[in-house]
Amino acid sequence: MNQTPHPLAGKPLELADTLRSGNAWKIRLACGYMGLPIKRRTFDIVQGDLETEAFARINPWRQVPALLTPEGEWLAESQAILWYLAMGTPWLPAGRLEQAQVSSWLSFEQTQHMHAFAQPRLLIHLRNTAQVDDPAMRAWREIGMNAAALMDAHLAGRDYLVGAAPTIADVALYPYTSMAAEGGYDLSGFTHINAWLARMRALAGFTPLIEAA
């Protein structure tokens, strides 16, 4: 995937994130796969870091991730950052149709997938304010299981979501799918998803959520 130099190779990149953010993990995954060193500036939600005026100067929307680009501008929203990083690389195919298909999966991740996986993880695993069997958690998982079923069916007979090689569509959908168990999900029956997750972990440059010290 990285036979030619990345267009951003050698240029400074800085990521504003939080330690366990799935959305920020997408960016670190992408940079790892693309061979791009990135400096992390990690904030603490519990300590109110995102509510400060200093953070508002990074992202007025007070969300992570945000990427400080070589142009000197902070870029917000994980999908936009992934697109920015992938331009001019195999992680964003050159074809019109293939680019549209990548965009379609990025939209799917935001509208049908992410919240259904992220909210149970946040409330059950990170905040400990909900139980696995709470009605609201079951409702989220019903939505998420429908999304997982669509992914699993699509991945039958193929290695990646778009084309024969991984793209930022796969990067976007990996984090919250891989952490599904933290929200009470059981994805063991989705054989194609689990094979795809293993392929993503096996790619050169894979970066875990929590890196070894």
N, C-alpha and C. Protein backbone atom coordinates (compact mmCIF):
# COMPACT_ATOMS: atom_id res chain seq x y z
N MET A 1 0.82 -1.21 0.00
CA MET A 1 0.00 0.00 0.00
C MET A 1 0.86 1.27 0.00
N ASN A 2 2.09 1.22 0.50
CA ASN A 2 2.90 2.43 0.67
C ASN A 2 4.17 2.37 -0.17
N GLN A 3 4.07 1.95 -1.42
CA GLN A 3 5.25 1.80 -2.27
C GLN A 3 5.80 3.15 -2.72
N THR A 4 4.96 4.15 -2.86
CA THR A 4 5.42 5.49 -3.22
C THR A 4 5.29 6.40 -2.01
N PRO A 5 6.12 7.43 -1.93
CA PRO A 5 6.06 8.33 -0.76
C PRO A 5 4.69 8.97 -0.62
N HIS A 6 4.24 9.06 0.61
CA HIS A 6 2.97 9.74 0.89
C HIS A 6 3.13 11.23 0.59
N PRO A 7 2.10 11.86 0.03
CA PRO A 7 2.19 13.30 -0.25
C PRO A 7 2.51 14.15 0.97
N LEU A 8 2.20 13.64 2.16
CA LEU A 8 2.47 14.39 3.39
C LEU A 8 3.72 13.91 4.11
N ALA A 9 4.47 13.00 3.50
CA ALA A 9 5.67 12.47 4.14
C ALA A 9 6.64 13.58 4.49
N GLY A 10 7.11 13.56 5.73
CA GLY A 10 8.08 14.55 6.18
C GLY A 10 7.47 15.86 6.63
N LYS A 11 6.15 15.98 6.54
CA LYS A 11 5.49 17.21 6.97
C LYS A 11 4.89 17.02 8.37
N PRO A 12 4.85 18.09 9.17
CA PRO A 12 4.37 17.93 10.55
C PRO A 12 2.86 17.73 10.62
N LEU A 13 2.46 16.76 11.43
CA LEU A 13 1.05 16.49 11.70
C LEU A 13 0.86 16.38 13.20
N GLU A 14 -0.17 17.03 13.72
CA GLU A 14 -0.44 16.96 15.15
C GLU A 14 -1.91 16.65 15.35
N LEU A 15 -2.19 15.70 16.24
CA LEU A 15 -3.56 15.24 16.48
C LEU A 15 -4.01 15.63 17.88
N ALA A 16 -5.13 16.33 17.97
CA ALA A 16 -5.79 16.57 19.25
C ALA A 16 -6.77 15.42 19.48
N ASP A 17 -6.58 14.70 20.59
CA ASP A 17 -7.43 13.54 20.83
C ASP A 17 -7.67 13.36 22.32
N THR A 18 -8.39 12.30 22.66
CA THR A 18 -8.49 11.83 24.04
C THR A 18 -8.02 10.39 24.04
N LEU A 19 -7.70 9.88 25.21
CA LEU A 19 -6.99 8.61 25.31
C LEU A 19 -7.75 7.47 24.66
N ARG A 20 -9.07 7.39 24.84
CA ARG A 20 -9.83 6.23 24.38
C ARG A 20 -10.86 6.58 23.31
N SER A 21 -10.69 7.69 22.64
CA SER A 21 -11.63 8.09 21.60
C SER A 21 -11.55 7.16 20.39
N GLY A 22 -12.68 6.55 20.03
CA GLY A 22 -12.72 5.72 18.85
C GLY A 22 -12.56 6.54 17.58
N ASN A 23 -13.13 7.73 17.56
CA ASN A 23 -13.00 8.58 16.37
C ASN A 23 -11.56 9.03 16.16
N ALA A 24 -10.87 9.35 17.24
CA ALA A 24 -9.46 9.72 17.12
C ALA A 24 -8.60 8.52 16.75
N TRP A 25 -9.00 7.33 17.21
CA TRP A 25 -8.27 6.12 16.86
C TRP A 25 -8.26 5.92 15.35
N LYS A 26 -9.34 6.28 14.67
CA LYS A 26 -9.37 6.17 13.21
C LYS A 26 -8.18 6.91 12.60
N ILE A 27 -7.88 8.07 13.12
CA ILE A 27 -6.81 8.89 12.55
C ILE A 27 -5.44 8.27 12.84
N ARG A 28 -5.27 7.77 14.05
CA ARG A 28 -3.99 7.14 14.38
C ARG A 28 -3.81 5.85 13.57
N LEU A 29 -4.90 5.11 13.36
CA LEU A 29 -4.83 3.94 12.49
C LEU A 29 -4.38 4.33 11.09
N ALA A 30 -5.05 5.35 10.54
CA ALA A 30 -4.73 5.78 9.18
C ALA A 30 -3.27 6.19 9.07
N CYS A 31 -2.80 6.96 10.03
CA CYS A 31 -1.40 7.41 9.98
C CYS A 31 -0.44 6.23 10.10
N GLY A 32 -0.78 5.26 10.95
CA GLY A 32 0.06 4.08 11.07
C GLY A 32 0.12 3.30 9.77
N TYR A 33 -1.03 3.07 9.17
CA TYR A 33 -1.07 2.33 7.91
C TYR A 33 -0.34 3.07 6.79
N MET A 34 -0.42 4.39 6.81
CA MET A 34 0.18 5.19 5.75
C MET A 34 1.63 5.57 6.03
N GLY A 35 2.14 5.14 7.19
CA GLY A 35 3.54 5.43 7.52
C GLY A 35 3.81 6.88 7.84
N LEU A 36 2.81 7.56 8.41
CA LEU A 36 2.95 8.98 8.73
C LEU A 36 3.14 9.17 10.24
N PRO A 37 4.28 9.67 10.68
CA PRO A 37 4.44 10.00 12.09
C PRO A 37 3.47 11.12 12.47
N ILE A 38 2.92 11.03 13.67
CA ILE A 38 1.97 12.05 14.11
C ILE A 38 2.20 12.34 15.58
N LYS A 39 2.21 13.61 15.92
CA LYS A 39 2.35 14.04 17.31
C LYS A 39 0.97 14.11 17.94
N ARG A 40 0.82 13.51 19.12
CA ARG A 40 -0.47 13.52 19.82
C ARG A 40 -0.49 14.61 20.88
N ARG A 41 -1.62 15.31 20.95
CA ARG A 41 -1.89 16.23 22.06
C ARG A 41 -3.18 15.71 22.70
N THR A 42 -3.02 14.95 23.78
CA THR A 42 -4.14 14.22 24.36
C THR A 42 -4.79 15.03 25.47
N PHE A 43 -6.10 15.18 25.36
CA PHE A 43 -6.89 15.96 26.32
C PHE A 43 -7.71 15.02 27.21
N ASP A 44 -8.20 15.57 28.31
CA ASP A 44 -8.96 14.79 29.30
C ASP A 44 -10.37 15.36 29.40
N ILE A 45 -11.35 14.58 28.95
CA ILE A 45 -12.74 15.03 29.01
C ILE A 45 -13.18 15.22 30.46
N VAL A 46 -12.81 14.28 31.33
CA VAL A 46 -13.24 14.33 32.73
C VAL A 46 -12.77 15.61 33.40
N GLN A 47 -11.56 16.06 33.05
CA GLN A 47 -11.01 17.28 33.64
C GLN A 47 -11.54 18.54 32.97
N GLY A 48 -12.41 18.37 31.96
CA GLY A 48 -13.03 19.52 31.31
C GLY A 48 -12.16 20.19 30.27
N ASP A 49 -11.15 19.47 29.78
CA ASP A 49 -10.21 20.08 28.83
C ASP A 49 -10.91 20.59 27.57
N LEU A 50 -11.95 19.88 27.11
CA LEU A 50 -12.59 20.28 25.87
C LEU A 50 -13.48 21.51 26.02
N GLU A 51 -13.72 21.90 27.25
CA GLU A 51 -14.57 23.06 27.50
C GLU A 51 -13.79 24.35 27.65
N THR A 52 -12.48 24.28 27.57
CA THR A 52 -11.66 25.47 27.78
C THR A 52 -11.62 26.33 26.52
N GLU A 53 -11.31 27.58 26.71
CA GLU A 53 -11.16 28.48 25.56
C GLU A 53 -9.94 28.09 24.72
N ALA A 54 -8.93 27.53 25.38
CA ALA A 54 -7.75 27.10 24.65
C ALA A 54 -8.12 26.00 23.65
N PHE A 55 -8.96 25.06 24.10
CA PHE A 55 -9.37 23.99 23.16
C PHE A 55 -10.30 24.54 22.09
N ALA A 56 -11.12 25.51 22.42
CA ALA A 56 -12.02 26.10 21.42
C ALA A 56 -11.25 26.71 20.27
N ARG A 57 -10.02 27.15 20.54
CA ARG A 57 -9.20 27.68 19.46
C ARG A 57 -8.70 26.57 18.53
N ILE A 58 -8.66 25.35 19.05
CA ILE A 58 -8.33 24.19 18.22
C ILE A 58 -9.56 23.75 17.44
N ASN A 59 -10.66 23.57 18.14
CA ASN A 59 -11.90 23.16 17.50
C ASN A 59 -13.07 23.83 18.22
N PRO A 60 -13.69 24.84 17.61
CA PRO A 60 -14.82 25.52 18.25
C PRO A 60 -15.98 24.59 18.55
N TRP A 61 -16.03 23.44 17.88
CA TRP A 61 -17.10 22.46 18.14
C TRP A 61 -16.83 21.65 19.40
N ARG A 62 -15.61 21.82 19.95
CA ARG A 62 -15.22 21.18 21.21
C ARG A 62 -15.33 19.65 21.15
N GLN A 63 -14.83 19.10 20.05
CA GLN A 63 -14.81 17.66 19.85
C GLN A 63 -13.43 17.23 19.38
N VAL A 64 -13.11 15.98 19.65
CA VAL A 64 -11.94 15.34 19.05
C VAL A 64 -12.44 14.29 18.07
N PRO A 65 -11.63 14.00 17.04
CA PRO A 65 -10.28 14.49 16.79
C PRO A 65 -10.26 15.80 16.04
N ALA A 66 -9.11 16.44 16.09
CA ALA A 66 -8.80 17.58 15.23
C ALA A 66 -7.35 17.44 14.81
N LEU A 67 -7.06 17.71 13.56
CA LEU A 67 -5.72 17.53 13.02
C LEU A 67 -5.15 18.88 12.64
N LEU A 68 -3.95 19.17 13.17
CA LEU A 68 -3.21 20.36 12.75
C LEU A 68 -2.44 19.99 11.49
N THR A 69 -2.82 20.56 10.37
CA THR A 69 -2.26 20.21 9.07
C THR A 69 -0.98 20.99 8.80
N PRO A 70 -0.20 20.54 7.82
CA PRO A 70 1.00 21.30 7.44
C PRO A 70 0.68 22.70 6.95
N GLU A 71 -0.57 22.92 6.51
CA GLU A 71 -0.98 24.26 6.10
C GLU A 71 -1.19 25.20 7.28
N GLY A 72 -1.09 24.65 8.49
CA GLY A 72 -1.26 25.46 9.69
C GLY A 72 -2.69 25.62 10.15
N GLU A 73 -3.61 24.84 9.57
CA GLU A 73 -5.02 24.91 9.93
C GLU A 73 -5.42 23.66 10.69
N TRP A 74 -6.28 23.84 11.70
CA TRP A 74 -6.88 22.70 12.40
C TRP A 74 -8.07 22.19 11.59
N LEU A 75 -8.09 20.88 11.33
CA LEU A 75 -9.17 20.24 10.58
C LEU A 75 -9.93 19.32 11.50
N ALA A 76 -11.25 19.50 11.58
CA ALA A 76 -12.09 18.72 12.47
C ALA A 76 -12.86 17.65 11.70
N GLU A 77 -13.44 16.72 12.46
CA GLU A 77 -14.28 15.61 11.98
C GLU A 77 -13.43 14.49 11.38
N SER A 78 -13.60 13.31 11.95
CA SER A 78 -12.76 12.17 11.58
C SER A 78 -12.86 11.82 10.11
N GLN A 79 -14.06 11.88 9.52
CA GLN A 79 -14.19 11.49 8.12
C GLN A 79 -13.46 12.48 7.20
N ALA A 80 -13.55 13.75 7.52
CA ALA A 80 -12.84 14.76 6.73
C ALA A 80 -11.33 14.58 6.86
N ILE A 81 -10.87 14.26 8.08
CA ILE A 81 -9.44 14.07 8.29
C ILE A 81 -8.95 12.84 7.52
N LEU A 82 -9.72 11.75 7.57
CA LEU A 82 -9.34 10.55 6.82
C LEU A 82 -9.22 10.86 5.33
N TRP A 83 -10.17 11.61 4.80
CA TRP A 83 -10.14 11.96 3.37
C TRP A 83 -8.90 12.79 3.06
N TYR A 84 -8.62 13.76 3.92
CA TYR A 84 -7.44 14.62 3.76
C TYR A 84 -6.16 13.78 3.73
N LEU A 85 -6.04 12.84 4.65
CA LEU A 85 -4.84 12.02 4.74
C LEU A 85 -4.70 11.07 3.55
N ALA A 86 -5.83 10.63 3.02
CA ALA A 86 -5.81 9.59 1.99
C ALA A 86 -5.66 10.13 0.57
N MET A 87 -5.89 11.41 0.37
CA MET A 87 -5.82 11.96 -0.98
C MET A 87 -4.45 11.72 -1.60
N GLY A 88 -4.44 11.23 -2.83
CA GLY A 88 -3.20 10.96 -3.52
C GLY A 88 -2.54 9.67 -3.12
N THR A 89 -3.27 8.79 -2.40
CA THR A 89 -2.73 7.50 -1.97
C THR A 89 -3.71 6.40 -2.36
N PRO A 90 -3.28 5.13 -2.31
CA PRO A 90 -4.20 4.02 -2.59
C PRO A 90 -5.33 3.89 -1.57
N TRP A 91 -5.20 4.55 -0.42
CA TRP A 91 -6.26 4.47 0.58
C TRP A 91 -7.52 5.21 0.14
N LEU A 92 -7.42 6.03 -0.89
CA LEU A 92 -8.58 6.65 -1.52
C LEU A 92 -8.45 6.37 -3.02
N PRO A 93 -9.19 5.39 -3.53
CA PRO A 93 -9.03 5.01 -4.94
C PRO A 93 -9.24 6.20 -5.88
N ALA A 94 -8.61 6.11 -7.03
CA ALA A 94 -8.66 7.22 -7.98
C ALA A 94 -9.96 7.25 -8.78
N GLY A 95 -10.60 6.10 -8.94
CA GLY A 95 -11.78 6.03 -9.79
C GLY A 95 -12.97 6.78 -9.20
N ARG A 96 -13.77 7.35 -10.08
CA ARG A 96 -14.96 8.11 -9.65
C ARG A 96 -15.92 7.21 -8.84
N LEU A 97 -16.21 6.02 -9.38
CA LEU A 97 -17.15 5.13 -8.71
C LEU A 97 -16.59 4.67 -7.37
N GLU A 98 -15.33 4.28 -7.36
CA GLU A 98 -14.74 3.77 -6.13
C GLU A 98 -14.69 4.86 -5.05
N GLN A 99 -14.39 6.09 -5.45
CA GLN A 99 -14.41 7.18 -4.46
C GLN A 99 -15.82 7.38 -3.91
N ALA A 100 -16.80 7.28 -4.78
CA ALA A 100 -18.18 7.42 -4.31
C ALA A 100 -18.55 6.29 -3.36
N GLN A 101 -18.07 5.08 -3.64
CA GLN A 101 -18.34 3.95 -2.76
C GLN A 101 -17.67 4.14 -1.40
N VAL A 102 -16.46 4.65 -1.39
CA VAL A 102 -15.81 4.97 -0.12
C VAL A 102 -16.63 6.00 0.65
N SER A 103 -17.06 7.05 -0.04
CA SER A 103 -17.88 8.07 0.61
C SER A 103 -19.17 7.49 1.16
N SER A 104 -19.76 6.55 0.43
CA SER A 104 -20.98 5.90 0.89
C SER A 104 -20.77 5.17 2.20
N TRP A 105 -19.66 4.44 2.31
CA TRP A 105 -19.38 3.72 3.56
C TRP A 105 -19.02 4.68 4.70
N LEU A 106 -18.37 5.79 4.38
CA LEU A 106 -18.11 6.79 5.43
C LEU A 106 -19.42 7.34 5.96
N SER A 107 -20.37 7.58 5.09
CA SER A 107 -21.69 8.05 5.52
C SER A 107 -22.41 6.99 6.33
N PHE A 108 -22.33 5.74 5.88
CA PHE A 108 -22.93 4.63 6.62
C PHE A 108 -22.39 4.57 8.04
N GLU A 109 -21.07 4.73 8.17
CA GLU A 109 -20.46 4.66 9.50
C GLU A 109 -21.02 5.73 10.42
N GLN A 110 -21.24 6.91 9.90
CA GLN A 110 -21.73 8.02 10.72
C GLN A 110 -23.22 7.93 11.01
N THR A 111 -24.00 7.47 10.05
CA THR A 111 -25.46 7.53 10.19
C THR A 111 -26.09 6.24 10.70
N GLN A 112 -25.50 5.09 10.41
CA GLN A 112 -26.13 3.82 10.77
C GLN A 112 -25.31 2.99 11.75
N HIS A 113 -24.05 3.33 11.92
CA HIS A 113 -23.15 2.45 12.66
C HIS A 113 -22.61 3.08 13.95
N MET A 114 -21.96 4.22 13.85
CA MET A 114 -21.12 4.71 14.94
C MET A 114 -21.87 4.89 16.25
N HIS A 115 -22.95 5.65 16.23
CA HIS A 115 -23.62 5.95 17.49
C HIS A 115 -24.17 4.70 18.16
N ALA A 116 -24.64 3.75 17.36
CA ALA A 116 -25.19 2.53 17.93
C ALA A 116 -24.12 1.69 18.61
N PHE A 117 -22.88 1.81 18.18
CA PHE A 117 -21.78 1.09 18.82
C PHE A 117 -21.10 1.94 19.89
N ALA A 118 -20.98 3.24 19.63
CA ALA A 118 -20.23 4.10 20.54
C ALA A 118 -20.99 4.40 21.83
N GLN A 119 -22.30 4.60 21.74
CA GLN A 119 -23.05 4.98 22.95
C GLN A 119 -23.07 3.88 24.00
N PRO A 120 -23.38 2.62 23.65
CA PRO A 120 -23.30 1.58 24.69
C PRO A 120 -21.89 1.44 25.27
N ARG A 121 -20.88 1.53 24.42
CA ARG A 121 -19.50 1.45 24.94
C ARG A 121 -19.24 2.58 25.93
N LEU A 122 -19.65 3.80 25.58
CA LEU A 122 -19.43 4.95 26.45
C LEU A 122 -20.12 4.78 27.80
N LEU A 123 -21.39 4.39 27.77
CA LEU A 123 -22.19 4.37 28.99
C LEU A 123 -21.93 3.14 29.85
N ILE A 124 -21.69 2.00 29.21
CA ILE A 124 -21.47 0.76 29.95
C ILE A 124 -20.01 0.62 30.38
N HIS A 125 -19.10 0.81 29.44
CA HIS A 125 -17.69 0.48 29.68
C HIS A 125 -16.89 1.66 30.22
N LEU A 126 -17.09 2.84 29.67
CA LEU A 126 -16.25 3.97 30.05
C LEU A 126 -16.81 4.75 31.24
N ARG A 127 -18.11 4.99 31.25
CA ARG A 127 -18.70 5.79 32.34
C ARG A 127 -19.34 4.96 33.44
N ASN A 128 -19.64 3.69 33.14
CA ASN A 128 -20.31 2.82 34.12
C ASN A 128 -21.61 3.41 34.64
N THR A 129 -22.37 4.04 33.74
CA THR A 129 -23.65 4.63 34.14
C THR A 129 -24.84 3.84 33.58
N ALA A 130 -24.57 2.74 32.89
CA ALA A 130 -25.65 1.91 32.35
C ALA A 130 -25.26 0.45 32.48
N GLN A 131 -26.27 -0.40 32.48
CA GLN A 131 -26.08 -1.84 32.52
C GLN A 131 -26.31 -2.42 31.13
N VAL A 132 -25.68 -3.56 30.87
CA VAL A 132 -25.77 -4.19 29.55
C VAL A 132 -27.22 -4.40 29.12
N ASP A 133 -28.08 -4.78 30.05
CA ASP A 133 -29.45 -5.13 29.70
C ASP A 133 -30.44 -3.98 29.85
N ASP A 134 -29.96 -2.77 30.09
CA ASP A 134 -30.87 -1.63 30.15
C ASP A 134 -31.61 -1.50 28.82
N PRO A 135 -32.90 -1.14 28.85
CA PRO A 135 -33.67 -1.03 27.60
C PRO A 135 -33.02 -0.13 26.56
N ALA A 136 -32.46 0.98 26.99
CA ALA A 136 -31.83 1.89 26.03
C ALA A 136 -30.62 1.25 25.37
N MET A 137 -29.86 0.46 26.12
CA MET A 137 -28.70 -0.22 25.56
C MET A 137 -29.13 -1.31 24.58
N ARG A 138 -30.20 -2.01 24.92
CA ARG A 138 -30.72 -3.03 23.99
C ARG A 138 -31.20 -2.38 22.70
N ALA A 139 -31.80 -1.19 22.83
CA ALA A 139 -32.29 -0.49 21.63
C ALA A 139 -31.13 -0.07 20.74
N TRP A 140 -30.06 0.43 21.35
CA TRP A 140 -28.88 0.79 20.56
C TRP A 140 -28.32 -0.43 19.86
N ARG A 141 -28.25 -1.55 20.59
CA ARG A 141 -27.66 -2.75 20.00
C ARG A 141 -28.52 -3.33 18.88
N GLU A 142 -29.82 -3.15 18.95
CA GLU A 142 -30.67 -3.61 17.85
C GLU A 142 -30.31 -2.86 16.57
N ILE A 143 -30.11 -1.55 16.70
CA ILE A 143 -29.71 -0.75 15.54
C ILE A 143 -28.33 -1.20 15.05
N GLY A 144 -27.41 -1.39 16.00
CA GLY A 144 -26.06 -1.77 15.64
C GLY A 144 -25.97 -3.15 15.01
N MET A 145 -26.78 -4.08 15.49
CA MET A 145 -26.76 -5.42 14.91
C MET A 145 -27.28 -5.39 13.47
N ASN A 146 -28.24 -4.54 13.20
CA ASN A 146 -28.71 -4.39 11.82
C ASN A 146 -27.59 -3.86 10.93
N ALA A 147 -26.83 -2.88 11.44
CA ALA A 147 -25.70 -2.36 10.67
C ALA A 147 -24.64 -3.44 10.47
N ALA A 148 -24.37 -4.21 11.52
CA ALA A 148 -23.38 -5.28 11.41
C ALA A 148 -23.81 -6.33 10.39
N ALA A 149 -25.10 -6.63 10.36
CA ALA A 149 -25.59 -7.60 9.38
C ALA A 149 -25.38 -7.11 7.96
N LEU A 150 -25.57 -5.82 7.73
CA LEU A 150 -25.33 -5.26 6.40
C LEU A 150 -23.84 -5.35 6.04
N MET A 151 -22.98 -5.03 6.98
CA MET A 151 -21.55 -5.14 6.74
C MET A 151 -21.15 -6.58 6.45
N ASP A 152 -21.65 -7.50 7.26
CA ASP A 152 -21.27 -8.90 7.11
C ASP A 152 -21.69 -9.44 5.75
N ALA A 153 -22.89 -9.10 5.33
CA ALA A 153 -23.36 -9.55 4.02
C ALA A 153 -22.51 -8.96 2.90
N HIS A 154 -22.14 -7.71 3.04
CA HIS A 154 -21.33 -7.07 2.01
C HIS A 154 -19.93 -7.69 1.93
N LEU A 155 -19.38 -8.09 3.08
CA LEU A 155 -18.02 -8.62 3.12
C LEU A 155 -17.94 -10.09 2.69
N ALA A 156 -19.07 -10.73 2.49
CA ALA A 156 -19.06 -12.12 2.01
C ALA A 156 -18.40 -12.17 0.63
N GLY A 157 -17.33 -12.94 0.53
CA GLY A 157 -16.66 -13.08 -0.76
C GLY A 157 -15.70 -11.96 -1.11
N ARG A 158 -15.45 -11.05 -0.17
CA ARG A 158 -14.50 -9.98 -0.43
C ARG A 158 -13.69 -9.72 0.83
N ASP A 159 -12.49 -9.16 0.63
CA ASP A 159 -11.60 -8.91 1.77
C ASP A 159 -11.84 -7.56 2.41
N TYR A 160 -12.23 -6.57 1.61
CA TYR A 160 -12.38 -5.20 2.11
C TYR A 160 -13.67 -4.60 1.58
N LEU A 161 -14.04 -3.45 2.11
CA LEU A 161 -15.34 -2.87 1.81
C LEU A 161 -15.45 -2.35 0.39
N VAL A 162 -14.35 -1.79 -0.14
CA VAL A 162 -14.37 -1.22 -1.49
C VAL A 162 -13.15 -1.75 -2.25
N GLY A 163 -13.38 -2.46 -3.32
CA GLY A 163 -12.28 -2.95 -4.13
C GLY A 163 -11.51 -4.07 -3.46
N ALA A 164 -10.32 -4.33 -3.99
CA ALA A 164 -9.52 -5.46 -3.53
C ALA A 164 -8.50 -5.10 -2.46
N ALA A 165 -8.40 -3.83 -2.11
CA ALA A 165 -7.42 -3.38 -1.13
C ALA A 165 -8.11 -2.52 -0.08
N PRO A 166 -7.50 -2.38 1.09
CA PRO A 166 -8.12 -1.56 2.13
C PRO A 166 -8.15 -0.09 1.75
N THR A 167 -9.18 0.60 2.21
CA THR A 167 -9.34 2.03 2.00
C THR A 167 -9.71 2.68 3.33
N ILE A 168 -9.88 4.00 3.30
CA ILE A 168 -10.30 4.68 4.52
C ILE A 168 -11.71 4.28 4.95
N ALA A 169 -12.48 3.64 4.06
CA ALA A 169 -13.77 3.10 4.49
C ALA A 169 -13.56 2.02 5.55
N ASP A 170 -12.58 1.15 5.33
CA ASP A 170 -12.26 0.12 6.31
C ASP A 170 -11.71 0.73 7.59
N VAL A 171 -10.86 1.75 7.45
CA VAL A 171 -10.29 2.41 8.62
C VAL A 171 -11.40 3.03 9.47
N ALA A 172 -12.37 3.67 8.83
CA ALA A 172 -13.44 4.34 9.57
C ALA A 172 -14.30 3.36 10.34
N LEU A 173 -14.54 2.19 9.77
CA LEU A 173 -15.45 1.25 10.40
C LEU A 173 -14.76 0.29 11.37
N TYR A 174 -13.44 0.26 11.35
CA TYR A 174 -12.74 -0.70 12.22
C TYR A 174 -12.90 -0.41 13.71
N PRO A 175 -12.63 0.81 14.20
CA PRO A 175 -12.54 1.00 15.65
C PRO A 175 -13.78 0.57 16.43
N TYR A 176 -14.94 1.14 16.12
CA TYR A 176 -16.11 0.83 16.94
C TYR A 176 -16.61 -0.58 16.71
N THR A 177 -16.37 -1.15 15.51
CA THR A 177 -16.73 -2.55 15.31
C THR A 177 -15.85 -3.44 16.18
N SER A 178 -14.57 -3.14 16.22
CA SER A 178 -13.64 -3.98 16.99
C SER A 178 -13.88 -3.89 18.49
N MET A 179 -14.46 -2.77 18.95
CA MET A 179 -14.70 -2.57 20.39
C MET A 179 -16.14 -2.88 20.78
N ALA A 180 -16.87 -3.56 19.91
CA ALA A 180 -18.29 -3.77 20.13
C ALA A 180 -18.60 -4.47 21.45
N ALA A 181 -17.76 -5.42 21.85
CA ALA A 181 -18.03 -6.17 23.08
C ALA A 181 -18.08 -5.26 24.30
N GLU A 182 -17.39 -4.13 24.26
CA GLU A 182 -17.41 -3.20 25.39
C GLU A 182 -18.77 -2.56 25.58
N GLY A 183 -19.62 -2.63 24.56
CA GLY A 183 -20.99 -2.14 24.67
C GLY A 183 -22.01 -3.25 24.79
N GLY A 184 -21.54 -4.47 25.09
CA GLY A 184 -22.45 -5.59 25.28
C GLY A 184 -22.81 -6.35 24.01
N TYR A 185 -22.15 -6.04 22.92
CA TYR A 185 -22.42 -6.74 21.67
C TYR A 185 -21.77 -8.12 21.66
N ASP A 186 -22.40 -9.03 20.94
CA ASP A 186 -21.81 -10.33 20.61
C ASP A 186 -21.82 -10.45 19.09
N LEU A 187 -20.67 -10.22 18.47
CA LEU A 187 -20.56 -10.29 17.01
C LEU A 187 -19.95 -11.60 16.55
N SER A 188 -19.92 -12.60 17.43
CA SER A 188 -19.25 -13.86 17.09
C SER A 188 -19.91 -14.56 15.90
N GLY A 189 -21.18 -14.30 15.67
CA GLY A 189 -21.86 -14.95 14.56
C GLY A 189 -21.58 -14.34 13.20
N PHE A 190 -20.93 -13.18 13.18
CA PHE A 190 -20.65 -12.50 11.92
C PHE A 190 -19.25 -12.90 11.43
N THR A 191 -19.19 -14.02 10.75
CA THR A 191 -17.89 -14.59 10.38
C THR A 191 -17.12 -13.70 9.41
N HIS A 192 -17.81 -13.03 8.50
CA HIS A 192 -17.11 -12.19 7.53
C HIS A 192 -16.55 -10.94 8.19
N ILE A 193 -17.28 -10.37 9.14
CA ILE A 193 -16.77 -9.22 9.89
C ILE A 193 -15.53 -9.62 10.68
N ASN A 194 -15.59 -10.76 11.34
CA ASN A 194 -14.45 -11.17 12.17
C ASN A 194 -13.22 -11.47 11.34
N ALA A 195 -13.40 -12.03 10.15
CA ALA A 195 -12.25 -12.25 9.26
C ALA A 195 -11.69 -10.91 8.79
N TRP A 196 -12.58 -9.96 8.51
CA TRP A 196 -12.15 -8.62 8.09
C TRP A 196 -11.39 -7.91 9.21
N LEU A 197 -11.89 -8.00 10.43
CA LEU A 197 -11.18 -7.40 11.57
C LEU A 197 -9.78 -7.97 11.70
N ALA A 198 -9.65 -9.28 11.53
CA ALA A 198 -8.33 -9.91 11.61
C ALA A 198 -7.42 -9.42 10.50
N ARG A 199 -7.96 -9.24 9.30
CA ARG A 199 -7.14 -8.72 8.20
C ARG A 199 -6.66 -7.31 8.50
N MET A 200 -7.53 -6.48 9.07
CA MET A 200 -7.13 -5.12 9.39
C MET A 200 -6.04 -5.10 10.45
N ARG A 201 -6.15 -5.96 11.45
CA ARG A 201 -5.12 -6.03 12.49
C ARG A 201 -3.78 -6.51 11.95
N ALA A 202 -3.83 -7.33 10.89
CA ALA A 202 -2.60 -7.91 10.33
C ALA A 202 -1.88 -6.97 9.37
N LEU A 203 -2.51 -5.87 8.98
CA LEU A 203 -1.88 -4.95 8.04
C LEU A 203 -0.68 -4.25 8.68
N ALA A 204 0.35 -4.01 7.88
CA ALA A 204 1.52 -3.29 8.36
C ALA A 204 1.11 -1.90 8.86
N GLY A 205 1.63 -1.53 10.00
CA GLY A 205 1.35 -0.21 10.55
C GLY A 205 0.16 -0.15 11.47
N PHE A 206 -0.47 -1.31 11.73
CA PHE A 206 -1.64 -1.30 12.64
C PHE A 206 -1.25 -0.68 13.98
N THR A 207 -2.10 0.21 14.47
CA THR A 207 -1.87 0.92 15.73
C THR A 207 -2.97 0.59 16.71
N PRO A 208 -2.67 0.00 17.85
CA PRO A 208 -3.72 -0.31 18.83
C PRO A 208 -4.29 0.95 19.48
N LEU A 209 -5.44 0.81 20.09
CA LEU A 209 -6.06 1.94 20.77
C LEU A 209 -5.13 2.50 21.84
N ILE A 210 -4.62 1.61 22.68
CA ILE A 210 -3.68 2.00 23.73
C ILE A 210 -2.33 1.40 23.37
N GLU A 211 -1.38 2.26 23.04
CA GLU A 211 -0.07 1.79 22.65
C GLU A 211 0.80 1.48 23.86
N ALA A 212 1.65 0.48 23.72
CA ALA A 212 2.54 0.10 24.82
C ALA A 212 3.46 1.27 25.16
N ALA A 213 3.69 1.42 26.44
CA ALA A 213 4.58 2.52 26.90
C ALA A 213 6.01 2.25 26.48
